[in-house]
Protein backbone atom coordinates (compact mmCIF):
# COMPACT_ATOMS: atom_id res chain seq x y z
CA MET A 1 -3.43 -2.84 -13.30
CA GLY A 2 -1.82 -4.48 -16.26
CA GLY A 3 1.84 -4.10 -17.06
CA PHE A 4 1.42 -1.78 -20.11
CA SER A 5 -0.49 0.62 -17.78
CA ARG A 6 2.28 0.43 -15.29
CA CYS A 7 4.79 1.58 -18.10
CA ARG A 8 2.31 4.42 -18.86
CA GLU A 9 2.29 5.37 -15.16
CA LEU A 10 6.17 5.69 -15.10
CA ARG A 11 6.02 7.72 -18.32
CA LYS A 12 3.39 9.97 -16.71
CA MET A 13 5.66 10.32 -13.65
CA MET A 14 8.50 11.44 -15.90
CA VAL A 15 6.11 13.88 -17.53
CA MET A 16 4.81 15.08 -14.07
CA VAL A 17 8.36 15.82 -12.97
CA ASN A 18 9.99 17.07 -16.22
CA SER A 19 8.70 19.99 -18.29
CA ARG A 20 10.94 18.51 -21.06
CA PRO A 21 9.79 15.85 -23.45
CA PRO A 22 10.66 12.29 -22.58
CA MET A 23 14.03 11.04 -23.98
CA GLY A 24 12.21 8.79 -26.58
CA LEU A 25 10.78 11.95 -28.25
CA VAL A 26 14.23 13.90 -28.44
CA PRO A 27 16.17 13.43 -31.57
CA LYS A 28 19.43 11.30 -31.20
CA ALA A 29 21.58 14.13 -32.72
CA PHE A 30 20.21 16.56 -29.72
CA LEU A 31 21.10 14.00 -27.14
CA CYS A 32 24.67 13.23 -28.53
CA SER A 33 25.50 16.92 -28.90
CA THR A 34 24.32 17.75 -25.40
CA THR A 35 25.59 14.95 -23.31
CA SER A 36 29.33 15.37 -24.37
CA GLY A 37 29.50 18.20 -21.65
CA TRP A 38 27.47 16.33 -19.02
CA GLU A 39 27.66 18.07 -15.57
CA GLY A 40 25.63 15.54 -13.69
CA GLY A 41 22.09 16.97 -13.36
CA VAL A 42 19.57 15.01 -11.75
CA SER A 43 19.47 11.26 -12.51
CA MET A 44 17.09 8.53 -11.34
CA VAL A 45 17.52 4.86 -11.38
CA GLN A 46 14.33 2.86 -10.90
CA GLY A 47 14.98 -0.84 -9.38
CA ALA A 48 18.23 0.18 -7.83
CA SER A 49 18.49 -2.17 -5.08
CA ARG A 50 20.90 -4.74 -6.68
CA GLY A 51 22.34 -5.96 -10.14
CA LEU A 52 22.28 -3.53 -13.06
CA GLY A 53 20.31 -0.80 -11.15
CA LEU A 54 22.61 -0.63 -8.30
CA GLU A 55 25.66 -0.55 -10.67
CA PHE A 56 24.13 2.27 -12.67
CA VAL A 57 23.83 4.21 -9.30
CA ARG A 58 27.32 3.51 -8.42
CA GLN A 59 28.71 4.52 -11.90
CA LEU A 60 26.84 7.83 -11.95
CA LEU A 61 28.16 8.69 -8.50
CA GLU A 62 31.73 7.64 -8.97
CA LYS A 63 32.29 8.89 -12.47
CA ASN A 64 31.08 12.30 -11.89
CA SER A 65 31.64 14.66 -8.85
CA LYS A 66 28.72 16.80 -9.75
CA GLY A 67 25.08 16.07 -9.95
CA HIS A 68 22.45 14.24 -7.85
CA VAL A 69 21.33 10.63 -8.09
CA ILE A 70 17.84 9.38 -6.98
CA ALA A 71 17.79 5.66 -6.40
CA SER A 72 14.46 3.95 -6.08
CA CYS A 73 13.36 0.49 -5.07
CA ARG A 74 10.44 -1.45 -3.25
CA ASN A 75 12.40 -1.86 0.05
CA PRO A 76 15.08 0.82 0.58
CA GLY A 77 15.80 -0.53 4.13
CA GLY A 78 16.82 -3.90 2.71
CA ALA A 79 19.15 -2.56 -0.01
CA THR A 80 22.40 -2.91 1.57
CA GLY A 81 24.43 -1.88 -1.31
CA LEU A 82 22.46 1.37 -1.72
CA LEU A 83 22.91 2.15 1.93
CA GLU A 84 26.61 1.73 1.63
CA LEU A 85 26.60 4.09 -1.28
CA LYS A 86 24.39 6.61 0.66
CA GLY A 87 27.23 6.52 3.43
CA ARG A 88 29.89 7.62 0.91
CA PHE A 89 27.76 9.96 -1.12
CA GLU A 90 25.30 11.46 1.51
CA ASP A 91 24.95 14.83 -0.08
CA ARG A 92 24.42 13.39 -3.66
CA LEU A 93 22.35 10.37 -3.18
CA ALA A 94 18.64 10.12 -2.34
CA ILE A 95 16.90 6.82 -1.85
CA LEU A 96 13.30 6.65 -2.40
CA PRO A 97 10.64 3.81 -2.06
CA LEU A 98 8.91 2.91 -5.35
CA ASP A 99 7.18 -0.03 -6.38
CA VAL A 100 5.88 -0.12 -9.98
CA THR A 101 2.90 -1.99 -9.13
CA ASN A 102 1.68 0.53 -6.59
CA GLU A 103 0.63 3.81 -8.04
CA SER A 104 0.63 5.69 -4.83
CA THR A 105 4.52 5.16 -4.61
CA ILE A 106 4.97 6.39 -8.10
CA LYS A 107 2.87 9.64 -7.34
CA ALA A 108 4.76 10.04 -3.93
CA ALA A 109 8.03 9.65 -5.65
CA ALA A 110 7.31 12.21 -8.47
CA THR A 111 6.02 14.77 -5.90
CA SER A 112 9.22 14.29 -3.96
CA ILE A 113 11.34 14.66 -6.91
CA LYS A 114 9.66 17.78 -8.25
CA GLN A 115 9.78 19.29 -4.77
CA ASN A 116 13.40 18.68 -4.20
CA TYR A 117 14.81 19.01 -7.57
CA GLY A 118 12.47 20.40 -10.04
CA SER A 119 13.01 17.96 -12.80
CA LEU A 120 14.96 15.02 -13.98
CA ASN A 121 17.73 14.92 -16.53
CA LEU A 122 18.01 11.16 -16.89
CA LEU A 123 15.63 8.22 -15.94
CA ILE A 124 16.90 4.56 -16.11
CA ASN A 125 14.27 1.80 -15.40
CA THR A 126 16.05 -1.40 -14.52
CA SER A 127 12.87 -2.96 -12.77
CA GLY A 128 10.73 -5.56 -14.44
CA ILE A 129 7.59 -7.37 -13.98
CA LEU A 130 7.70 -11.17 -14.32
CA SER A 131 4.09 -11.76 -15.18
CA ILE A 132 0.92 -9.94 -15.90
CA PRO A 133 -2.50 -11.69 -15.30
CA ASN A 134 -4.23 -12.64 -18.42
CA VAL A 135 -1.40 -11.19 -20.52
CA LEU A 136 2.10 -12.47 -19.86
CA HIS A 137 3.00 -15.62 -17.92
CA PRO A 138 6.56 -16.83 -17.27
CA VAL A 139 7.38 -20.15 -19.00
CA GLN A 140 7.75 -23.06 -16.51
CA LYS A 141 10.42 -25.58 -17.05
CA GLN A 142 8.85 -29.15 -17.17
CA LEU A 143 10.95 -31.93 -15.83
């Protein structure tokens, strides 16, 4: 599966979970006027094991005492920062395994979210793909 179809799969997951249109289809004025009274809702951060993803999870949990955060990554058991946050925010943080290169994990995450929360209010994708066979290859430094 190519990288572009992986993006489509993540978008399909959002549609499967949410009855609302994806955020890219909602006018900015609508988003601005409704987010000023943000009550937390259900936020999902994909690629949350470290770096920007982990910091998004931390900020979502620490800056608001309401709402739930779903953090996903390929190997939740090895995500020590996430596990530390889970200890502090046990009732508000859920950690799910999700690998953007594995469609079965995308579907399993979507099913779990729909069953446990109904829908998402926010999806942040911080994971990336370094290369896509026959499409995108990283530039290698020549010495």
